[in-house]
Structures are given as structure tokens and as C-alpha cells.
């Protein structure tokens, strides 16, 4: 994923991202690009500090540790529990 754009509001960060390479979407070899918007609601004190903003955004995007549910044989298409 690459970040195309981001916007910071009083209590929210919007990250607009796109896949850097096509992802496999079928066992037949079809692939496609994807895009998404991550919306992160954060307290205003976090948004006031660039270091805190980077740290909290990284924490939110890295997700919880644990078992991931992936589409059979397609590692990039996983959902964190």
C-alpha cells in the first residue's frame, strides 16, 4: 500500500491509500489494484503533536497481533481479528 493523500481534521485523520502492485483475486491468476480510505479518530492532543500523530497512526494501522484470517493461498488478502 502507498499513501496517495492524507487529511487531518480537529479529531480525525483520513489516509487515502492504493496498492503498489496488483493483488491476486482469483485462483485463475486474475489480479487487480485496490484503494481504500483509513479513517482514524484521535483525540486533539494527539493531533497537536506530529510525533504522537505518527506513533498513533502506526499503532492503529499495524493492528492487533494474533492470528490473521486470510483467503486461501492469498497472503495479501488478510483480515486482522
C-alpha atoms as a PDB file:
ATOM      1  CA  UNK A   1       0.000   0.000   0.000  1.00  0.00           C
ATOM      2  CA  UNK A   2       1.125   3.500  -0.767  1.00  0.00           C
ATOM      3  CA  UNK A   3      -0.382   6.649   0.678  1.00  0.00           C
ATOM      4  CA  UNK A   4      -1.767   8.921  -2.015  1.00  0.00           C
ATOM      5  CA  UNK A   5      -3.133  11.658   0.226  1.00  0.00           C
ATOM      6  CA  UNK A   6      -3.947  12.408   3.837  1.00  0.00           C
ATOM      7  CA  UNK A   7      -6.074  14.978   5.590  1.00  0.00           C
ATOM      8  CA  UNK A   8      -6.049  15.957   9.238  1.00  0.00           C
ATOM      9  CA  UNK A   9      -9.135  17.401  10.913  1.00  0.00           C
ATOM     10  CA  UNK A  10      -9.731  18.526  14.503  1.00  0.00           C
ATOM     11  CA  UNK A  11     -10.170  14.940  15.738  1.00  0.00           C
ATOM     12  CA  UNK A  12      -9.699  12.700  12.710  1.00  0.00           C
ATOM     13  CA  UNK A  13      -7.079  11.632  10.161  1.00  0.00           C
ATOM     14  CA  UNK A  14      -8.046  10.400   6.688  1.00  0.00           C
ATOM     15  CA  UNK A  15      -5.437   8.347   4.792  1.00  0.00           C
ATOM     16  CA  UNK A  16      -6.112   7.546   1.159  1.00  0.00           C
ATOM     17  CA  UNK A  17      -4.102   4.530   0.043  1.00  0.00           C
ATOM     18  CA  UNK A  18      -3.675   2.391  -3.060  1.00  0.00           C
ATOM     19  CA  UNK A  19      -1.964  -0.910  -3.712  1.00  0.00           C
ATOM     20  CA  UNK A  20       1.513  -0.526  -5.174  1.00  0.00           C
ATOM     21  CA  UNK A  21       1.127  -3.721  -7.198  1.00  0.00           C
ATOM     22  CA  UNK A  22      -1.898  -5.715  -8.320  1.00  0.00           C
ATOM     23  CA  UNK A  23      -3.269  -8.275  -5.841  1.00  0.00           C
ATOM     24  CA  UNK A  24      -4.328 -11.757  -6.909  1.00  0.00           C
ATOM     25  CA  UNK A  25      -8.122 -12.027  -6.731  1.00  0.00           C
ATOM     26  CA  UNK A  26      -8.741 -15.488  -8.142  1.00  0.00           C
ATOM     27  CA  UNK A  27      -7.048 -18.826  -8.282  1.00  0.00           C
ATOM     28  CA  UNK A  28      -7.035 -18.438 -12.066  1.00  0.00           C
ATOM     29  CA  UNK A  29      -4.400 -15.724 -11.845  1.00  0.00           C
ATOM     30  CA  UNK A  30      -6.599 -12.636 -12.201  1.00  0.00           C
ATOM     31  CA  UNK A  31      -5.241  -9.595 -10.371  1.00  0.00           C
ATOM     32  CA  UNK A  32      -6.467  -6.097  -9.659  1.00  0.00           C
ATOM     33  CA  UNK A  33      -5.409  -2.918  -7.906  1.00  0.00           C
ATOM     34  CA  UNK A  34      -7.270  -1.697  -4.851  1.00  0.00           C
ATOM     35  CA  UNK A  35      -7.758   1.502  -2.936  1.00  0.00           C
ATOM     36  CA  UNK A  36      -9.080   2.340   0.499  1.00  0.00           C
ATOM     37  CA  UNK A  37      -9.593   5.163   2.927  1.00  0.00           C
ATOM     38  CA  UNK A  38      -8.475   4.708   6.514  1.00  0.00           C
ATOM     39  CA  UNK A  39     -10.355   6.940   8.951  1.00  0.00           C
ATOM     40  CA  UNK A  40      -8.639   7.265  12.320  1.00  0.00           C
ATOM     41  CA  UNK A  41     -10.465   9.090  15.109  1.00  0.00           C
ATOM     42  CA  UNK A  42      -7.898  10.547  17.508  1.00  0.00           C
ATOM     43  CA  UNK A  43      -8.010  12.963  20.417  1.00  0.00           C
ATOM     44  CA  UNK A  44      -6.991  16.570  19.663  1.00  0.00           C
ATOM     45  CA  UNK A  45      -3.865  16.382  21.864  1.00  0.00           C
ATOM     46  CA  UNK A  46      -2.522  13.546  19.709  1.00  0.00           C
ATOM     47  CA  UNK A  47      -3.216  15.545  16.559  1.00  0.00           C
ATOM     48  CA  UNK A  48      -1.385  18.574  18.001  1.00  0.00           C
ATOM     49  CA  UNK A  49       1.917  16.666  18.181  1.00  0.00           C
ATOM     50  CA  UNK A  50       3.491  15.411  14.934  1.00  0.00           C
ATOM     51  CA  UNK A  51       5.438  12.702  16.794  1.00  0.00           C
ATOM     52  CA  UNK A  52       2.317  11.446  18.598  1.00  0.00           C
ATOM     53  CA  UNK A  53       0.350  11.541  15.368  1.00  0.00           C
ATOM     54  CA  UNK A  54       2.894   9.360  13.571  1.00  0.00           C
ATOM     55  CA  UNK A  55       3.122   6.940  16.507  1.00  0.00           C
ATOM     56  CA  UNK A  56      -0.662   6.576  16.991  1.00  0.00           C
ATOM     57  CA  UNK A  57      -1.306   6.226  13.255  1.00  0.00           C
ATOM     58  CA  UNK A  58       1.320   3.471  13.042  1.00  0.00           C
ATOM     59  CA  UNK A  59      -0.238   1.672  16.016  1.00  0.00           C
ATOM     60  CA  UNK A  60      -3.712   1.829  14.505  1.00  0.00           C
ATOM     61  CA  UNK A  61      -2.620   0.639  11.071  1.00  0.00           C
ATOM     62  CA  UNK A  62      -0.450  -2.192  12.384  1.00  0.00           C
ATOM     63  CA  UNK A  63      -3.497  -3.668  14.103  1.00  0.00           C
ATOM     64  CA  UNK A  64      -3.619  -6.240  16.866  1.00  0.00           C
ATOM     65  CA  UNK A  65      -1.230  -9.133  16.997  1.00  0.00           C
ATOM     66  CA  UNK A  66      -2.654 -12.602  16.660  1.00  0.00           C
ATOM     67  CA  UNK A  67      -3.990 -14.994  14.094  1.00  0.00           C
ATOM     68  CA  UNK A  68      -4.949 -13.486  10.752  1.00  0.00           C
ATOM     69  CA  UNK A  69      -7.761 -14.779   8.604  1.00  0.00           C
ATOM     70  CA  UNK A  70      -6.502 -14.980   5.026  1.00  0.00           C
ATOM     71  CA  UNK A  71      -8.079 -16.045   1.787  1.00  0.00           C
ATOM     72  CA  UNK A  72      -6.714 -19.488   0.969  1.00  0.00           C
ATOM     73  CA  UNK A  73      -3.362 -19.106  -0.735  1.00  0.00           C
ATOM     74  CA  UNK A  74      -3.558 -15.300  -0.982  1.00  0.00           C
ATOM     75  CA  UNK A  75      -1.456 -13.720   1.771  1.00  0.00           C
ATOM     76  CA  UNK A  76      -2.137 -10.043   0.849  1.00  0.00           C
ATOM     77  CA  UNK A  77      -5.897 -10.517   1.395  1.00  0.00           C
ATOM     78  CA  UNK A  78      -5.968 -10.958   5.162  1.00  0.00           C
ATOM     79  CA  UNK A  79      -8.196  -9.609   7.911  1.00  0.00           C
ATOM     80  CA  UNK A  80      -6.887  -8.954  11.400  1.00  0.00           C
ATOM     81  CA  UNK A  81      -9.126 -10.265  14.197  1.00  0.00           C
END
